[in-house]
Each structure stands twice: as C-alpha cells, then as structure tokens.
C-alpha atoms as a PDB file:
ATOM      1  CA  MET A   1       3.957   1.710 -23.832  1.00  0.00           C
ATOM      2  CA  ALA A   2       5.821  -1.411 -22.794  1.00  0.00           C
ATOM      3  CA  GLU A   3       9.602  -1.469 -22.884  1.00  0.00           C
ATOM      4  CA  THR A   4      11.999  -4.341 -22.317  1.00  0.00           C
ATOM      5  CA  VAL A   5      14.778  -3.904 -19.780  1.00  0.00           C
ATOM      6  CA  ARG A   6      17.322  -6.580 -18.981  1.00  0.00           C
ATOM      7  CA  ILE A   7      18.175  -7.051 -15.322  1.00  0.00           C
ATOM      8  CA  GLU A   8      20.452  -9.445 -13.496  1.00  0.00           C
ATOM      9  CA  PRO A   9      18.896 -12.737 -12.321  1.00  0.00           C
ATOM     10  CA  ALA A  10      19.410 -11.802  -8.654  1.00  0.00           C
ATOM     11  CA  ALA A  11      17.613  -8.477  -9.195  1.00  0.00           C
ATOM     12  CA  HIS A  12      14.756 -10.283 -10.913  1.00  0.00           C
ATOM     13  CA  ALA A  13      14.481 -12.766  -8.055  1.00  0.00           C
ATOM     14  CA  ALA A  14      14.410  -9.909  -5.531  1.00  0.00           C
ATOM     15  CA  LEU A  15      11.753  -8.139  -7.612  1.00  0.00           C
ATOM     16  CA  VAL A  16       9.629 -11.281  -7.644  1.00  0.00           C
ATOM     17  CA  GLN A  17       9.923 -11.538  -3.851  1.00  0.00           C
ATOM     18  CA  ILE A  18       8.974  -7.916  -3.421  1.00  0.00           C
ATOM     19  CA  ALA A  19       6.000  -8.215  -5.780  1.00  0.00           C
ATOM     20  CA  ARG A  20       4.742 -11.301  -3.923  1.00  0.00           C
ATOM     21  CA  ALA A  21       5.202  -9.693  -0.507  1.00  0.00           C
ATOM     22  CA  LYS A  22       3.349  -6.547  -1.594  1.00  0.00           C
ATOM     23  CA  GLN A  23       0.827  -8.511  -3.685  1.00  0.00           C
ATOM     24  CA  VAL A  24       1.441  -6.404  -6.787  1.00  0.00           C
ATOM     25  CA  SER A  25       2.566  -7.148 -10.316  1.00  0.00           C
ATOM     26  CA  LEU A  26       6.222  -7.179 -11.276  1.00  0.00           C
ATOM     27  CA  THR A  27       5.617  -4.000 -13.263  1.00  0.00           C
ATOM     28  CA  GLU A  28       4.107  -2.266 -10.231  1.00  0.00           C
ATOM     29  CA  ALA A  29       6.904  -3.465  -7.950  1.00  0.00           C
ATOM     30  CA  LEU A  30       9.510  -2.190 -10.400  1.00  0.00           C
ATOM     31  CA  SER A  31       7.716   1.153 -10.797  1.00  0.00           C
ATOM     32  CA  ARG A  32       7.577   1.612  -7.029  1.00  0.00           C
ATOM     33  CA  ALA A  33      11.262   0.710  -6.695  1.00  0.00           C
ATOM     34  CA  VAL A  34      12.237   3.226  -9.372  1.00  0.00           C
ATOM     35  CA  GLU A  35      10.122   5.930  -7.698  1.00  0.00           C
ATOM     36  CA  ALA A  36      11.715   5.184  -4.304  1.00  0.00           C
ATOM     37  CA  TYR A  37      15.156   5.480  -5.871  1.00  0.00           C
ATOM     38  CA  ARG A  38      14.204   8.721  -7.627  1.00  0.00           C
ATOM     39  CA  ARG A  39      13.088  10.189  -4.300  1.00  0.00           C
ATOM     40  CA  GLU A  40      16.308   9.021  -2.620  1.00  0.00           C
ATOM     41  CA  LEU A  41      18.367  10.799  -5.286  1.00  0.00           C
ATOM     42  CA  PHE A  42      16.296  13.938  -4.863  1.00  0.00           C
ATOM     43  CA  LEU A  43      16.766  13.947  -1.086  1.00  0.00           C
ATOM     44  CA  ASP A  44      20.493  13.319  -1.516  1.00  0.00           C
ATOM     45  CA  GLY A  45      20.609  16.450  -3.673  1.00  0.00           C
ATOM     46  CA  VAL A  46      18.701  18.457  -1.075  1.00  0.00           C
ATOM     47  CA  ALA A  47      21.118  17.290   1.633  1.00  0.00           C
ATOM     48  CA  ARG A  48      24.110  18.331  -0.499  1.00  0.00           C
ATOM     49  CA  ASP A  49      22.486  21.726  -1.104  1.00  0.00           C
ATOM     50  CA  PHE A  50      21.969  22.286   2.628  1.00  0.00           C
ATOM     51  CA  ILE A  51      25.568  21.313   3.340  1.00  0.00           C
ATOM     52  CA  ALA A  52      26.716  23.869   0.770  1.00  0.00           C
ATOM     53  CA  LEU A  53      24.375  26.448   2.292  1.00  0.00           C
ATOM     54  CA  ARG A  54      25.740  25.865   5.790  1.00  0.00           C
ATOM     55  CA  ASP A  55      29.291  26.161   4.463  1.00  0.00           C
ATOM     56  CA  ASP A  56      28.482  29.708   3.276  1.00  0.00           C
ATOM     57  CA  SER A  57      28.185  31.589   6.571  1.00  0.00           C
ATOM     58  CA  ARG A  58      26.490  34.622   5.021  1.00  0.00           C
ATOM     59  CA  ALA A  59      23.926  32.593   3.138  1.00  0.00           C
ATOM     60  CA  TRP A  60      23.301  30.435   6.218  1.00  0.00           C
ATOM     61  CA  ALA A  61      22.710  33.530   8.362  1.00  0.00           C
ATOM     62  CA  GLU A  62      20.194  34.788   5.775  1.00  0.00           C
ATOM     63  CA  GLU A  63      18.462  31.404   5.828  1.00  0.00           C
ATOM     64  CA  GLN A  64      18.237  31.454   9.628  1.00  0.00           C
ATOM     65  CA  ALA A  65      16.835  35.003   9.585  1.00  0.00           C
ATOM     66  CA  GLU A  66      14.195  33.999   7.052  1.00  0.00           C
ATOM     67  CA  ARG A  67      13.231  30.967   9.141  1.00  0.00           C
ATOM     68  CA  ALA A  68      12.879  33.164  12.225  1.00  0.00           C
ATOM     69  CA  ALA A  69      10.629  35.540  10.294  1.00  0.00           C
ATOM     70  CA  TRP A  70       8.424  32.651   9.166  1.00  0.00           C
ATOM     71  CA  ASP A  71       8.302  31.222  12.684  1.00  0.00           C
ATOM     72  CA  THR A  72       7.044  34.551  13.988  1.00  0.00           C
ATOM     73  CA  ALA A  73       4.456  34.793  11.215  1.00  0.00           C
ATOM     74  CA  GLY A  74       3.214  31.311  12.070  1.00  0.00           C
ATOM     75  CA  ARG A  75       2.814  32.163  15.746  1.00  0.00           C
ATOM     76  CA  ASP A  76       0.981  35.388  14.844  1.00  0.00           C
ATOM     77  CA  ARG A  77      -1.564  33.425  12.821  1.00  0.00           C
ATOM     78  CA  LEU A  78      -1.954  30.958  15.691  1.00  0.00           C
ATOM     79  CA  VAL A  79      -2.616  33.777  18.182  1.00  0.00           C
ATOM     80  CA  VAL A  80      -5.214  35.297  15.878  1.00  0.00           C
ATOM     81  CA  ARG A  81      -6.932  31.947  15.457  1.00  0.00           C
ATOM     82  CA  VAL A  82      -7.005  31.381  19.220  1.00  0.00           C
ATOM     83  CA  LEU A  83      -8.327  34.854  19.900  1.00  0.00           C
ATOM     84  CA  LEU A  84     -11.055  34.451  17.289  1.00  0.00           C
ATOM     85  CA  GLY A  85     -11.907  30.961  18.497  1.00  0.00           C
ATOM     86  CA  LEU A  86     -11.103  29.353  15.152  1.00  0.00           C
END
C-alpha cells in the first residue's frame, strides 16, 4: 500500500544521493533509513535501561551474579565439548 509523505527538499536531495550511492530505489533507501532510525531508538532505550540498572546497586549486583552463572555454564559446555572431541 503506497502512502504519500511530504519531506523537506534537502531531505529529498539527500535521499536521492543515498539511493544512487546504494543503487536502490528511493522507496528502498527510505525504508532502510527508517529501519536504521528504529534500531537507533531501540538501542538508545536499551542504553537508558542499563544506566537505570547500574544506578540500582542491588539490581546491578543481581545482574552481575547472573552473568557470572552464565559464564560458568558456558565454560562447562566448552569443557564437555573439548573432552568429547566435538
């Protein structure tokens, strides 16, 4: 389903340059740009969540303990694989 979106002339010119450089259509260039921005927003949210987690000393200690448990589990699997020749 096609939709019409108005963008500023400078943004359109940049989109044209991107599409030419990547050898894709304007629609594909715009879709990729939107997806990149969506991912950036997601990662910004993850970063904020980790900052909040670190600010809570109890929650951060629990996180560190869980990571240590997973690190040990990973090494255990590696040792088993080495011993079995996998």
